[in-house]
Amino acid sequence: MNKHLNIKEWNIEDRPREKFLTKGGQNLSDAELLGILLGSGNAHESAVGLAQRILHAVGNNLDELGKLDIQHLIKNFNGIGAAKAITIAAALELGRRRKLASPADRKQILQSKDVFEILHAKIADLPHEEFWMLLLNRANKITHEIKVTQGGTGQTVVEIPLILKTAIDKLAAGIIVGHNHPSGNTEPSQQDIKITKQLAAACKIVDIKLLDHLIVGHKNYYSFADNEQL
């Protein structure tokens, strides 16, 4: 029976921690980085070997790995207990929060893709609908990011007066709204179209611009402004 080499038996330049220290994290594979988090494997695999098996199970896609819950990791991978599963989940959550973190300067919205990048990190992977709004100043820079409402797997209820009151109270010059479709289908429903038209008309009355409404899918989006629906 072949015995796998413990990471401590690898050449120093091949050990993930040492490699990270000498060459930088950008030069490590996903499996090596995940192996560092795991710290150890099991009786038959090194930490990196276990990491490779976990990544293979999700098609080597870190986004899919982030969707696995702690109990799934514990149940399906020998060598993963609660501590390691939580470590993986915590690292991925930190990565998600880093993506969400606002830079020191307010982000200026120049195109619909800028909005998609902000909303995708918040709502793309949710199993339920959420409706968000971004408030902008006259330079099209974001001043506030606000979750308006949360629903079930179907459509969520949007209260237009609440959106307008919030925008007025916070002295917004413009509004961009967006919500996700848990199905991943970004085509607007009749209700989406109706809400967009009603919100655009209401914003016009109070002299606040509705700049766009995005429907966010897993990897793509629909922009009402880009499709000349505003």
C-alpha atoms as a PDB file:
ATOM      1  CA  MET A   1       0.000   0.000   0.000  1.00  0.00           C
ATOM      2  CA  ASN A   2       1.407   3.389  -1.020  1.00  0.00           C
ATOM      3  CA  LYS A   3       1.798   5.965   1.694  1.00  0.00           C
ATOM      4  CA  HIS A   4       1.221   9.591   0.716  1.00  0.00           C
ATOM      5  CA  LEU A   5       3.842  12.141   1.674  1.00  0.00           C
ATOM      6  CA  ASN A   6       2.955  14.476   4.488  1.00  0.00           C
ATOM      7  CA  ILE A   7       3.375  18.114   3.480  1.00  0.00           C
ATOM      8  CA  LYS A   8       6.276  18.359   5.951  1.00  0.00           C
ATOM      9  CA  GLU A   9       8.059  15.731   3.826  1.00  0.00           C
ATOM     10  CA  TRP A  10       7.728  17.786   0.638  1.00  0.00           C
ATOM     11  CA  ASN A  11      10.582  19.864  -0.683  1.00  0.00           C
ATOM     12  CA  ILE A  12      10.577  23.174   1.152  1.00  0.00           C
ATOM     13  CA  GLU A  13       9.929  25.175  -2.028  1.00  0.00           C
ATOM     14  CA  ASP A  14       6.813  23.066  -2.708  1.00  0.00           C
ATOM     15  CA  ARG A  15       5.198  23.437   0.707  1.00  0.00           C
ATOM     16  CA  PRO A  16       2.200  25.842   0.409  1.00  0.00           C
ATOM     17  CA  ARG A  17       3.017  28.029   3.423  1.00  0.00           C
ATOM     18  CA  GLU A  18       6.674  28.393   2.490  1.00  0.00           C
ATOM     19  CA  LYS A  19       5.744  28.962  -1.145  1.00  0.00           C
ATOM     20  CA  PHE A  20       3.277  31.676  -0.091  1.00  0.00           C
ATOM     21  CA  LEU A  21       5.990  33.354   1.973  1.00  0.00           C
ATOM     22  CA  THR A  22       8.668  33.276  -0.717  1.00  0.00           C
ATOM     23  CA  LYS A  23       6.639  33.676  -3.924  1.00  0.00           C
ATOM     24  CA  GLY A  24       3.402  35.360  -2.835  1.00  0.00           C
ATOM     25  CA  GLY A  25      -0.154  34.094  -2.747  1.00  0.00           C
ATOM     26  CA  GLN A  26      -0.773  34.882  -6.413  1.00  0.00           C
ATOM     27  CA  ASN A  27       1.631  32.087  -7.344  1.00  0.00           C
ATOM     28  CA  LEU A  28      -0.281  29.383  -5.455  1.00  0.00           C
ATOM     29  CA  SER A  29      -3.059  27.301  -6.943  1.00  0.00           C
ATOM     30  CA  ASP A  30      -6.549  27.360  -5.449  1.00  0.00           C
ATOM     31  CA  ALA A  31      -5.858  23.911  -3.984  1.00  0.00           C
ATOM     32  CA  GLU A  32      -2.659  25.102  -2.322  1.00  0.00           C
ATOM     33  CA  LEU A  33      -4.404  28.130  -0.802  1.00  0.00           C
ATOM     34  CA  LEU A  34      -7.269  25.962   0.404  1.00  0.00           C
ATOM     35  CA  GLY A  35      -4.719  23.473   1.763  1.00  0.00           C
ATOM     36  CA  ILE A  36      -3.183  26.225   3.888  1.00  0.00           C
ATOM     37  CA  LEU A  37      -6.606  26.895   5.392  1.00  0.00           C
ATOM     38  CA  LEU A  38      -7.174  23.206   6.102  1.00  0.00           C
ATOM     39  CA  GLY A  39      -3.776  22.765   7.742  1.00  0.00           C
ATOM     40  CA  SER A  40      -3.969  18.965   7.553  1.00  0.00           C
ATOM     41  CA  GLY A  41      -5.619  16.259   5.508  1.00  0.00           C
ATOM     42  CA  ASN A  42      -6.620  12.759   6.583  1.00  0.00           C
ATOM     43  CA  ALA A  43      -4.996   9.324   6.793  1.00  0.00           C
ATOM     44  CA  HIS A  44      -4.911   8.995   3.020  1.00  0.00           C
ATOM     45  CA  GLU A  45      -4.476  12.563   1.747  1.00  0.00           C
ATOM     46  CA  SER A  46      -2.384  15.626   2.449  1.00  0.00           C
ATOM     47  CA  ALA A  47      -4.149  18.922   3.052  1.00  0.00           C
ATOM     48  CA  VAL A  48      -3.560  19.868  -0.587  1.00  0.00           C
ATOM     49  CA  GLY A  49      -4.834  16.493  -1.778  1.00  0.00           C
ATOM     50  CA  LEU A  50      -7.999  16.941   0.262  1.00  0.00           C
ATOM     51  CA  ALA A  51      -8.343  20.477  -1.075  1.00  0.00           C
ATOM     52  CA  GLN A  52      -8.029  19.184  -4.645  1.00  0.00           C
ATOM     53  CA  ARG A  53     -10.803  16.665  -4.036  1.00  0.00           C
ATOM     54  CA  ILE A  54     -13.093  19.327  -2.581  1.00  0.00           C
ATOM     55  CA  LEU A  55     -12.463  21.667  -5.501  1.00  0.00           C
ATOM     56  CA  HIS A  56     -12.969  18.861  -8.026  1.00  0.00           C
ATOM     57  CA  ALA A  57     -16.399  18.221  -6.497  1.00  0.00           C
ATOM     58  CA  VAL A  58     -17.456  21.789  -7.338  1.00  0.00           C
ATOM     59  CA  GLY A  59     -15.914  21.856 -10.790  1.00  0.00           C
ATOM     60  CA  ASN A  60     -12.896  23.818  -9.518  1.00  0.00           C
ATOM     61  CA  ASN A  61     -15.189  26.808  -9.135  1.00  0.00           C
ATOM     62  CA  LEU A  62     -14.690  28.906  -5.993  1.00  0.00           C
ATOM     63  CA  ASP A  63     -18.069  30.527  -6.478  1.00  0.00           C
ATOM     64  CA  GLU A  64     -19.724  27.096  -6.249  1.00  0.00           C
ATOM     65  CA  LEU A  65     -17.590  26.237  -3.227  1.00  0.00           C
ATOM     66  CA  GLY A  66     -18.945  29.320  -1.502  1.00  0.00           C
ATOM     67  CA  LYS A  67     -22.483  27.961  -1.894  1.00  0.00           C
ATOM     68  CA  LEU A  68     -21.753  24.764   0.083  1.00  0.00           C
ATOM     69  CA  ASP A  69     -22.909  24.908   3.678  1.00  0.00           C
ATOM     70  CA  ILE A  70     -20.876  23.712   6.638  1.00  0.00           C
ATOM     71  CA  GLN A  71     -22.840  20.494   7.150  1.00  0.00           C
ATOM     72  CA  HIS A  72     -22.361  19.509   3.504  1.00  0.00           C
ATOM     73  CA  LEU A  73     -18.588  19.891   3.823  1.00  0.00           C
ATOM     74  CA  ILE A  74     -18.498  17.823   7.012  1.00  0.00           C
ATOM     75  CA  LYS A  75     -20.733  15.077   5.645  1.00  0.00           C
ATOM     76  CA  ASN A  76     -19.159  14.650   2.225  1.00  0.00           C
ATOM     77  CA  PHE A  77     -15.408  15.020   2.767  1.00  0.00           C
ATOM     78  CA  ASN A  78     -13.407  12.739   5.012  1.00  0.00           C
ATOM     79  CA  GLY A  79     -11.003  14.858   7.044  1.00  0.00           C
ATOM     80  CA  ILE A  80     -13.315  17.865   7.240  1.00  0.00           C
ATOM     81  CA  GLY A  81     -14.724  18.501  10.687  1.00  0.00           C
ATOM     82  CA  ALA A  82     -16.589  21.505  12.026  1.00  0.00           C
ATOM     83  CA  ALA A  83     -13.433  23.557  12.602  1.00  0.00           C
ATOM     84  CA  LYS A  84     -12.124  23.111   9.051  1.00  0.00           C
ATOM     85  CA  ALA A  85     -15.549  23.640   7.489  1.00  0.00           C
ATOM     86  CA  ILE A  86     -15.996  26.862   9.439  1.00  0.00           C
ATOM     87  CA  THR A  87     -12.507  28.002   8.423  1.00  0.00           C
ATOM     88  CA  ILE A  88     -13.372  27.504   4.750  1.00  0.00           C
ATOM     89  CA  ALA A  89     -16.713  29.297   5.122  1.00  0.00           C
ATOM     90  CA  ALA A  90     -15.115  32.155   7.057  1.00  0.00           C
ATOM     91  CA  ALA A  91     -12.390  32.662   4.437  1.00  0.00           C
ATOM     92  CA  LEU A  92     -14.933  32.768   1.614  1.00  0.00           C
ATOM     93  CA  GLU A  93     -17.118  35.169   3.599  1.00  0.00           C
ATOM     94  CA  LEU A  94     -14.126  37.473   4.095  1.00  0.00           C
ATOM     95  CA  GLY A  95     -13.522  37.363   0.350  1.00  0.00           C
ATOM     96  CA  ARG A  96     -17.154  38.273  -0.272  1.00  0.00           C
ATOM     97  CA  ARG A  97     -16.968  41.161   2.201  1.00  0.00           C
ATOM     98  CA  ARG A  98     -13.760  42.434   0.643  1.00  0.00           C
ATOM     99  CA  LYS A  99     -15.529  42.562  -2.688  1.00  0.00           C
ATOM    100  CA  LEU A 100     -18.373  44.500  -1.061  1.00  0.00           C
ATOM    101  CA  ALA A 101     -16.139  46.908   0.859  1.00  0.00           C
ATOM    102  CA  SER A 102     -16.398  50.462  -0.356  1.00  0.00           C
ATOM    103  CA  PRO A 103     -13.170  52.219  -1.275  1.00  0.00           C
ATOM    104  CA  ALA A 104     -12.296  55.435   0.477  1.00  0.00           C
ATOM    105  CA  ASP A 105     -13.713  57.421  -2.417  1.00  0.00           C
ATOM    106  CA  ARG A 106     -17.340  57.103  -3.353  1.00  0.00           C
ATOM    107  CA  LYS A 107     -17.791  54.968  -6.452  1.00  0.00           C
ATOM    108  CA  GLN A 108     -18.980  56.828  -9.505  1.00  0.00           C
ATOM    109  CA  ILE A 109     -21.479  55.047 -11.712  1.00  0.00           C
ATOM    110  CA  LEU A 110     -20.563  55.390 -15.369  1.00  0.00           C
ATOM    111  CA  GLN A 111     -22.365  52.392 -16.869  1.00  0.00           C
ATOM    112  CA  SER A 112     -24.745  49.590 -15.971  1.00  0.00           C
ATOM    113  CA  LYS A 113     -21.829  47.186 -15.472  1.00  0.00           C
ATOM    114  CA  ASP A 114     -20.676  49.312 -12.519  1.00  0.00           C
ATOM    115  CA  VAL A 115     -24.046  48.716 -10.858  1.00  0.00           C
ATOM    116  CA  PHE A 116     -23.988  45.015 -11.687  1.00  0.00           C
ATOM    117  CA  GLU A 117     -20.612  44.580  -9.983  1.00  0.00           C
ATOM    118  CA  ILE A 118     -21.983  46.127  -6.796  1.00  0.00           C
ATOM    119  CA  LEU A 119     -25.283  44.260  -6.736  1.00  0.00           C
ATOM    120  CA  HIS A 120     -23.930  40.919  -7.930  1.00  0.00           C
ATOM    121  CA  ALA A 121     -21.863  40.475  -4.767  1.00  0.00           C
ATOM    122  CA  LYS A 122     -24.904  41.254  -2.625  1.00  0.00           C
ATOM    123  CA  ILE A 123     -27.717  39.295  -4.213  1.00  0.00           C
ATOM    124  CA  ALA A 124     -26.680  37.051  -7.131  1.00  0.00           C
ATOM    125  CA  ASP A 125     -26.412  33.841  -5.094  1.00  0.00           C
ATOM    126  CA  LEU A 126     -29.401  34.340  -2.805  1.00  0.00           C
ATOM    127  CA  PRO A 127     -32.215  31.730  -2.838  1.00  0.00           C
ATOM    128  CA  HIS A 128     -34.761  34.520  -2.346  1.00  0.00           C
ATOM    129  CA  GLU A 129     -35.436  37.880  -3.979  1.00  0.00           C
ATOM    130  CA  GLU A 130     -34.058  41.115  -2.553  1.00  0.00           C
ATOM    131  CA  PHE A 131     -34.731  44.606  -3.864  1.00  0.00           C
ATOM    132  CA  TRP A 132     -31.961  47.190  -3.390  1.00  0.00           C
ATOM    133  CA  MET A 133     -31.535  50.827  -4.224  1.00  0.00           C
ATOM    134  CA  LEU A 134     -28.440  52.928  -4.732  1.00  0.00           C
ATOM    135  CA  LEU A 135     -28.704  56.631  -4.003  1.00  0.00           C
ATOM    136  CA  LEU A 136     -26.483  58.939  -6.012  1.00  0.00           C
ATOM    137  CA  ASN A 137     -25.432  62.571  -5.843  1.00  0.00           C
ATOM    138  CA  ARG A 138     -25.315  64.926  -8.837  1.00  0.00           C
ATOM    139  CA  ALA A 139     -21.896  63.571  -9.841  1.00  0.00           C
ATOM    140  CA  ASN A 140     -23.402  60.068 -10.092  1.00  0.00           C
ATOM    141  CA  LYS A 141     -21.405  58.940  -7.069  1.00  0.00           C
ATOM    142  CA  ILE A 142     -23.046  56.503  -4.662  1.00  0.00           C
ATOM    143  CA  THR A 143     -23.931  57.942  -1.281  1.00  0.00           C
ATOM    144  CA  HIS A 144     -26.003  55.056   0.115  1.00  0.00           C
ATOM    145  CA  GLU A 145     -26.670  51.374  -0.656  1.00  0.00           C
ATOM    146  CA  ILE A 146     -29.959  50.262   0.893  1.00  0.00           C
ATOM    147  CA  LYS A 147     -31.892  47.006   0.917  1.00  0.00           C
ATOM    148  CA  VAL A 148     -35.502  47.998   0.378  1.00  0.00           C
ATOM    149  CA  THR A 149     -37.237  44.683   0.855  1.00  0.00           C
ATOM    150  CA  GLN A 150     -36.773  40.915   0.906  1.00  0.00           C
ATOM    151  CA  GLY A 151     -39.155  38.304  -0.393  1.00  0.00           C
ATOM    152  CA  GLY A 152     -39.398  34.591  -1.019  1.00  0.00           C
ATOM    153  CA  THR A 153     -38.375  32.568  -4.051  1.00  0.00           C
ATOM    154  CA  GLY A 154     -40.928  34.526  -6.061  1.00  0.00           C
ATOM    155  CA  GLN A 155     -41.358  38.259  -6.501  1.00  0.00           C
ATOM    156  CA  THR A 156     -40.894  40.621  -3.605  1.00  0.00           C
ATOM    157  CA  VAL A 157     -43.264  43.486  -2.820  1.00  0.00           C
ATOM    158  CA  VAL A 158     -41.867  46.946  -3.572  1.00  0.00           C
ATOM    159  CA  GLU A 159     -43.300  50.012  -1.863  1.00  0.00           C
ATOM    160  CA  ILE A 160     -42.648  53.004  -4.108  1.00  0.00           C
ATOM    161  CA  PRO A 161     -43.545  55.629  -1.449  1.00  0.00           C
ATOM    162  CA  LEU A 162     -40.900  54.139   0.864  1.00  0.00           C
ATOM    163  CA  ILE A 163     -38.262  54.385  -1.872  1.00  0.00           C
ATOM    164  CA  LEU A 164     -39.122  58.005  -2.582  1.00  0.00           C
ATOM    165  CA  LYS A 165     -39.216  58.993   1.102  1.00  0.00           C
ATOM    166  CA  THR A 166     -35.789  57.461   1.675  1.00  0.00           C
ATOM    167  CA  ALA A 167     -34.346  59.201  -1.375  1.00  0.00           C
ATOM    168  CA  ILE A 168     -35.805  62.566  -0.354  1.00  0.00           C
ATOM    169  CA  ASP A 169     -34.664  62.236   3.263  1.00  0.00           C
ATOM    170  CA  LYS A 170     -31.112  61.464   2.140  1.00  0.00           C
ATOM    171  CA  LEU A 171     -31.077  64.257  -0.463  1.00  0.00           C
ATOM    172  CA  ALA A 172     -30.462  61.944  -3.397  1.00  0.00           C
ATOM    173  CA  ALA A 173     -30.237  63.394  -6.880  1.00  0.00           C
ATOM    174  CA  GLY A 174     -30.689  60.028  -8.550  1.00  0.00           C
ATOM    175  CA  ILE A 175     -31.772  56.470  -7.840  1.00  0.00           C
ATOM    176  CA  ILE A 176     -30.753  53.126  -9.274  1.00  0.00           C
ATOM    177  CA  VAL A 177     -32.728  50.073  -8.195  1.00  0.00           C
ATOM    178  CA  GLY A 178     -32.034  46.419  -8.678  1.00  0.00           C
ATOM    179  CA  HIS A 179     -33.210  43.002  -7.658  1.00  0.00           C
ATOM    180  CA  ASN A 180     -32.237  39.402  -8.279  1.00  0.00           C
ATOM    181  CA  HIS A 181     -34.057  36.515  -9.890  1.00  0.00           C
ATOM    182  CA  PRO A 182     -33.104  33.352  -7.945  1.00  0.00           C
ATOM    183  CA  SER A 183     -33.802  31.306 -11.085  1.00  0.00           C
ATOM    184  CA  GLY A 184     -30.961  33.082 -12.873  1.00  0.00           C
ATOM    185  CA  ASN A 185     -33.309  34.209 -15.670  1.00  0.00           C
ATOM    186  CA  THR A 186     -32.810  37.952 -16.150  1.00  0.00           C
ATOM    187  CA  GLU A 187     -35.738  38.604 -18.456  1.00  0.00           C
ATOM    188  CA  PRO A 188     -38.077  41.168 -16.842  1.00  0.00           C
ATOM    189  CA  SER A 189     -41.509  39.984 -15.832  1.00  0.00           C
ATOM    190  CA  GLN A 190     -44.618  42.030 -16.458  1.00  0.00           C
ATOM    191  CA  GLN A 191     -44.536  42.992 -12.790  1.00  0.00           C
ATOM    192  CA  ASP A 192     -40.907  44.163 -13.150  1.00  0.00           C
ATOM    193  CA  ILE A 193     -41.890  46.342 -16.099  1.00  0.00           C
ATOM    194  CA  LYS A 194     -44.910  47.727 -14.243  1.00  0.00           C
ATOM    195  CA  ILE A 195     -42.904  48.619 -11.128  1.00  0.00           C
ATOM    196  CA  THR A 196     -40.208  50.300 -13.209  1.00  0.00           C
ATOM    197  CA  LYS A 197     -42.723  52.478 -15.042  1.00  0.00           C
ATOM    198  CA  GLN A 198     -44.517  53.420 -11.819  1.00  0.00           C
ATOM    199  CA  LEU A 199     -41.266  54.253 -10.042  1.00  0.00           C
ATOM    200  CA  ALA A 200     -40.006  56.322 -12.983  1.00  0.00           C
ATOM    201  CA  ALA A 201     -43.231  58.339 -13.028  1.00  0.00           C
ATOM    202  CA  ALA A 202     -43.148  58.882  -9.257  1.00  0.00           C
ATOM    203  CA  CYS A 203     -39.490  59.977  -9.349  1.00  0.00           C
ATOM    204  CA  LYS A 204     -40.278  62.508 -12.052  1.00  0.00           C
ATOM    205  CA  ILE A 205     -42.862  64.153  -9.813  1.00  0.00           C
ATOM    206  CA  VAL A 206     -40.323  64.781  -7.031  1.00  0.00           C
ATOM    207  CA  ASP A 207     -37.508  65.709  -9.466  1.00  0.00           C
ATOM    208  CA  ILE A 208     -35.311  62.724  -8.678  1.00  0.00           C
ATOM    209  CA  LYS A 209     -33.947  60.739 -11.608  1.00  0.00           C
ATOM    210  CA  LEU A 210     -34.502  56.994 -11.864  1.00  0.00           C
ATOM    211  CA  LEU A 211     -31.298  56.168 -13.728  1.00  0.00           C
ATOM    212  CA  ASP A 212     -31.693  52.419 -14.111  1.00  0.00           C
ATOM    213  CA  HIS A 213     -33.277  49.215 -12.863  1.00  0.00           C
ATOM    214  CA  LEU A 214     -31.165  46.054 -13.014  1.00  0.00           C
ATOM    215  CA  ILE A 215     -32.310  42.462 -12.816  1.00  0.00           C
ATOM    216  CA  VAL A 216     -29.364  40.434 -11.566  1.00  0.00           C
ATOM    217  CA  GLY A 217     -28.759  36.806 -12.466  1.00  0.00           C
ATOM    218  CA  HIS A 218     -25.968  34.448 -11.482  1.00  0.00           C
ATOM    219  CA  LYS A 219     -23.525  35.779 -14.081  1.00  0.00           C
ATOM    220  CA  ASN A 220     -25.434  38.314 -16.162  1.00  0.00           C
ATOM    221  CA  TYR A 221     -28.009  41.062 -15.862  1.00  0.00           C
ATOM    222  CA  TYR A 222     -30.735  43.020 -17.595  1.00  0.00           C
ATOM    223  CA  SER A 223     -30.613  46.815 -17.603  1.00  0.00           C
ATOM    224  CA  PHE A 224     -33.806  48.749 -18.296  1.00  0.00           C
ATOM    225  CA  ALA A 225     -31.722  51.798 -19.264  1.00  0.00           C
ATOM    226  CA  ASP A 226     -29.517  49.867 -21.693  1.00  0.00           C
ATOM    227  CA  ASN A 227     -32.623  48.420 -23.298  1.00  0.00           C
ATOM    228  CA  GLU A 228     -34.214  51.883 -23.582  1.00  0.00           C
ATOM    229  CA  GLN A 229     -37.025  50.992 -21.193  1.00  0.00           C
ATOM    230  CA  LEU A 230     -36.602  54.176 -19.133  1.00  0.00           C
END
